[in-house]
Amino acid sequence: MRSEYDQNMRTTISLDDRLAVQVQRKAAEQGLSVSAFIAKVLDDALKRHTAPPAPPFRLITVKGGGLQPGIDLDRPRTLDLDDDETAFGTRPPGS
């Protein structure tokens, strides 16, 4: 029993004369029909496709005097607690 995925899609493509001659020649060399050759070439090309490399990462910084006294970037939660204390006048219980 054939499933819907076993069926071939029929389509028409337009090739310029030079390309059509090359496709016919290569198909004949490989003992394939033009249709089978085009399907094989497209399948191979799609399997080879890889994502383009990511652009290089560039960190943009600004001038400044570095970290302010008392700032420890290894303990970012402390920054949140300091902000809470400034905004609400107290630290949450257990901190």
Protein backbone atom coordinates (compact mmCIF):
# COMPACT_ATOMS: atom_id res chain seq x y z
CA MET A 1 0.00 0.00 0.00
CA ARG A 2 1.40 3.41 -0.96
CA SER A 3 1.26 6.32 1.39
CA GLU A 4 0.84 9.93 0.36
CA TYR A 5 4.61 10.37 0.83
CA ASP A 6 5.48 7.70 -1.75
CA GLN A 7 4.02 9.71 -4.59
CA ASN A 8 6.20 11.86 -6.80
CA MET A 9 5.40 15.49 -7.44
CA ARG A 10 5.26 16.41 -11.09
CA THR A 11 6.45 19.84 -12.03
CA THR A 12 7.73 21.78 -15.00
CA ILE A 13 10.95 23.74 -14.95
CA SER A 14 12.49 26.06 -17.50
CA LEU A 15 16.18 25.75 -18.30
CA ASP A 16 18.19 27.81 -20.72
CA ASP A 17 19.47 25.82 -23.70
CA ARG A 18 23.07 25.63 -22.47
CA LEU A 19 22.04 24.25 -19.07
CA ALA A 20 19.51 21.83 -20.60
CA VAL A 21 22.24 20.33 -22.82
CA GLN A 22 24.57 19.93 -19.82
CA VAL A 23 21.83 18.29 -17.75
CA GLN A 24 20.95 15.88 -20.58
CA ARG A 25 24.62 15.00 -21.08
CA LYS A 26 25.30 14.41 -17.37
CA ALA A 27 22.11 12.38 -16.96
CA ALA A 28 23.09 10.15 -19.90
CA GLU A 29 26.63 9.70 -18.48
CA GLN A 30 25.13 8.46 -15.21
CA GLY A 31 22.49 6.31 -16.91
CA LEU A 32 19.65 8.37 -15.45
CA SER A 33 16.65 10.07 -16.91
CA VAL A 34 16.76 13.87 -16.88
CA SER A 35 14.07 13.87 -14.20
CA ALA A 36 15.97 11.38 -12.00
CA PHE A 37 19.23 13.31 -12.51
CA ILE A 38 17.65 16.64 -11.49
CA ALA A 39 16.05 15.01 -8.44
CA LYS A 40 19.40 13.49 -7.43
CA VAL A 41 21.29 16.77 -7.87
CA LEU A 42 18.69 18.72 -5.89
CA ASP A 43 18.64 16.11 -3.13
CA ASP A 44 22.44 16.17 -2.87
CA ALA A 45 22.50 19.99 -2.82
CA LEU A 46 19.86 20.18 -0.08
CA LYS A 47 21.70 17.64 2.06
CA ARG A 48 24.95 19.62 1.74
CA HIS A 49 23.37 22.92 2.66
CA THR A 50 24.75 24.26 5.91
CA ALA A 51 23.84 27.40 7.73
CA PRO A 52 26.07 30.35 6.96
CA PRO A 53 28.66 31.06 9.63
CA ALA A 54 27.57 33.49 12.29
CA PRO A 55 29.03 36.95 11.96
CA PRO A 56 31.88 37.65 14.36
CA PHE A 57 30.75 38.84 17.76
CA ARG A 58 31.82 42.35 18.60
CA LEU A 59 31.40 43.65 22.12
CA ILE A 60 30.75 47.38 22.18
CA THR A 61 31.84 49.06 25.37
CA VAL A 62 31.81 52.61 26.62
CA LYS A 63 34.42 54.60 28.44
CA GLY A 64 34.11 54.77 32.15
CA GLY A 65 35.88 54.39 35.41
CA GLY A 66 35.25 50.66 35.73
CA LEU A 67 33.16 49.13 38.45
CA GLN A 68 31.83 51.24 41.24
CA PRO A 69 33.10 50.39 44.72
CA GLY A 70 31.14 47.58 46.33
CA ILE A 71 29.94 46.02 43.05
CA ASP A 72 30.79 42.33 42.76
CA LEU A 73 29.88 40.93 39.34
CA ASP A 74 30.37 37.41 40.65
CA ARG A 75 27.33 37.95 42.89
CA PRO A 76 24.66 39.54 40.66
CA ARG A 77 21.84 38.73 43.10
CA THR A 78 23.41 41.24 45.48
CA LEU A 79 22.74 43.96 42.92
CA ASP A 80 19.04 43.02 42.90
CA LEU A 81 18.93 43.05 46.69
CA ASP A 82 20.59 46.47 46.79
CA ASP A 83 18.03 47.77 44.28
CA ASP A 84 15.19 46.33 46.37
CA GLU A 85 16.57 47.93 49.51
CA THR A 86 16.83 51.28 47.76
CA ALA A 87 13.31 51.04 46.33
CA PHE A 88 11.51 49.52 49.32
CA GLY A 89 13.74 50.42 52.26
CA THR A 90 14.31 46.83 53.32
CA ARG A 91 15.72 43.55 52.12
CA PRO A 92 13.47 40.51 51.69
CA PRO A 93 13.57 38.06 54.63
CA GLY A 94 16.38 35.52 54.49
CA SER A 95 18.73 37.60 52.35
